[in-house]
Amino acid sequence: MTYVDGFVVPVPKKKIAAYRKMARKAGKIWKEHGALEFHECVADDVKVGKWTSFPRSVKLKKGETVMFSWITYRSRKQRDSILKKVMSDERLKADMQGDMPFDGKRMIYGGFKAIVSL
């Protein structure tokens, strides 16, 4: 069954273009190393909930929006191997050490085993 990495991250609206550029580059690198799919989505219908919501989950600030992203792999083992390659890829190291177009401290991420895929 497929394995999925999921991410929710706050991005300043004025930095969406920079985020998209970074995501396109990262997505190509992830796919080169074997990821099946790479998706980046910008919030369109994500209201602030009474107790929980995407905006609350990342402590969204004025002038920011939420990005929802996921990467798919054949398995957890494949994901671990690909992630190791991606994290040591020189093309991303400079981006990760520079001025990121989002606040990584408020990013939520994790790995998930798919239990239904239609």
Protein backbone atom coordinates (compact mmCIF):
# COMPACT_ATOMS: atom_id res chain seq x y z
CA MET A 1 0.00 0.00 0.00
CA THR A 2 1.15 3.55 -0.74
CA TYR A 3 3.02 5.67 1.81
CA VAL A 4 2.35 9.42 2.05
CA ASP A 5 4.21 12.36 3.58
CA GLY A 6 1.80 15.18 4.42
CA PHE A 7 2.52 18.83 5.20
CA VAL A 8 0.56 21.90 6.32
CA VAL A 9 2.52 25.15 6.31
CA PRO A 10 1.75 28.88 6.68
CA VAL A 11 3.04 31.06 3.85
CA PRO A 12 2.90 34.86 3.63
CA LYS A 13 0.63 35.74 0.70
CA LYS A 14 3.33 38.02 -0.70
CA LYS A 15 5.69 35.00 -0.85
CA ILE A 16 3.40 32.57 -2.70
CA ALA A 17 5.35 33.00 -5.96
CA ALA A 18 8.65 32.27 -4.19
CA TYR A 19 7.06 29.27 -2.45
CA ARG A 20 5.75 27.95 -5.78
CA LYS A 21 9.20 28.33 -7.36
CA MET A 22 10.82 26.47 -4.44
CA ALA A 23 8.12 23.77 -4.55
CA ARG A 24 8.53 23.19 -8.30
CA LYS A 25 12.26 22.73 -7.84
CA ALA A 26 11.80 20.45 -4.81
CA GLY A 27 9.12 18.43 -6.57
CA LYS A 28 11.37 17.73 -9.55
CA ILE A 29 14.13 16.59 -7.20
CA TRP A 30 11.77 14.36 -5.18
CA LYS A 31 10.48 12.77 -8.41
CA GLU A 32 14.04 12.30 -9.75
CA HIS A 33 14.84 10.35 -6.60
CA GLY A 34 11.75 8.14 -6.99
CA ALA A 35 8.68 9.77 -5.43
CA LEU A 36 5.48 8.79 -7.25
CA GLU A 37 3.63 12.09 -6.86
CA PHE A 38 4.34 15.56 -5.46
CA HIS A 39 1.47 17.99 -4.75
CA GLU A 40 1.38 21.56 -3.41
CA CYS A 41 -1.98 23.25 -2.83
CA VAL A 42 -2.91 26.75 -1.65
CA ALA A 43 -5.90 27.27 0.65
CA ASP A 44 -9.13 28.16 -1.09
CA ASP A 45 -11.90 27.16 1.33
CA VAL A 46 -10.37 26.80 4.81
CA LYS A 47 -12.34 28.70 7.39
CA VAL A 48 -11.11 29.19 10.95
CA GLY A 49 -12.87 26.59 13.05
CA LYS A 50 -14.21 26.99 16.57
CA TRP A 51 -11.69 24.51 18.04
CA THR A 52 -9.57 23.18 15.17
CA SER A 53 -8.92 24.02 11.53
CA PHE A 54 -6.07 24.34 9.07
CA PRO A 55 -5.55 28.04 9.96
CA ARG A 56 -5.50 27.25 13.70
CA SER A 57 -3.17 24.29 13.22
CA VAL A 58 -0.35 26.55 11.97
CA LYS A 59 -1.27 29.61 14.03
CA LEU A 60 -2.02 31.53 10.84
CA LYS A 61 -1.18 35.23 11.01
CA LYS A 62 -2.68 38.16 9.14
CA GLY A 63 -1.38 38.26 5.56
CA GLU A 64 -0.67 34.50 5.45
CA THR A 65 -2.36 31.57 3.78
CA VAL A 66 -2.17 27.82 4.30
CA MET A 67 -0.42 25.38 2.00
CA PHE A 68 -1.40 21.71 2.04
CA SER A 69 1.09 19.34 0.44
CA TRP A 70 1.67 15.64 0.02
CA ILE A 71 4.20 13.31 -1.57
CA THR A 72 3.46 9.67 -2.37
CA TYR A 73 5.78 6.67 -2.42
CA ARG A 74 5.43 2.93 -3.01
CA SER A 75 6.29 2.12 0.63
CA ARG A 76 7.75 3.47 3.87
CA LYS A 77 11.05 1.81 3.01
CA GLN A 78 11.15 3.59 -0.35
CA ARG A 79 10.19 6.89 1.31
CA ASP A 80 13.01 6.60 3.83
CA SER A 81 15.52 5.92 1.04
CA ILE A 82 14.24 8.79 -1.13
CA LEU A 83 14.13 11.23 1.79
CA LYS A 84 17.77 10.47 2.62
CA LYS A 85 18.76 11.23 -0.99
CA VAL A 86 16.65 14.39 -1.16
CA MET A 87 18.00 15.79 2.11
CA SER A 88 21.58 15.32 0.90
CA ASP A 89 20.88 16.72 -2.59
CA GLU A 90 23.10 19.79 -3.08
CA ARG A 91 20.41 21.52 -5.16
CA LEU A 92 18.17 21.80 -2.10
CA LYS A 93 20.77 22.47 0.58
CA ALA A 94 21.23 26.09 -0.48
CA ASP A 95 17.45 26.69 -0.46
CA MET A 96 17.07 25.12 2.98
CA GLN A 97 19.81 27.31 4.44
CA GLY A 98 18.67 30.53 2.80
CA ASP A 99 15.61 32.71 3.26
CA MET A 100 12.72 30.24 3.24
CA PRO A 101 9.39 31.61 1.94
CA PHE A 102 7.55 30.19 4.98
CA ASP A 103 7.90 29.73 8.74
CA GLY A 104 9.22 26.20 9.18
CA LYS A 105 8.65 26.33 12.94
CA ARG A 106 4.89 26.28 12.34
CA MET A 107 4.96 23.56 9.68
CA ILE A 108 3.11 20.35 10.50
CA TYR A 109 4.30 17.18 8.80
CA GLY A 110 4.28 13.44 9.12
CA GLY A 111 4.30 10.09 7.35
CA PHE A 112 1.13 8.07 6.81
CA LYS A 113 0.29 4.55 5.68
CA ALA A 114 -2.51 4.65 3.13
CA ILE A 115 -5.43 2.47 4.18
CA VAL A 116 -7.85 3.28 1.32
CA SER A 117 -6.81 4.23 -2.21
CA LEU A 118 -9.47 4.39 -4.90
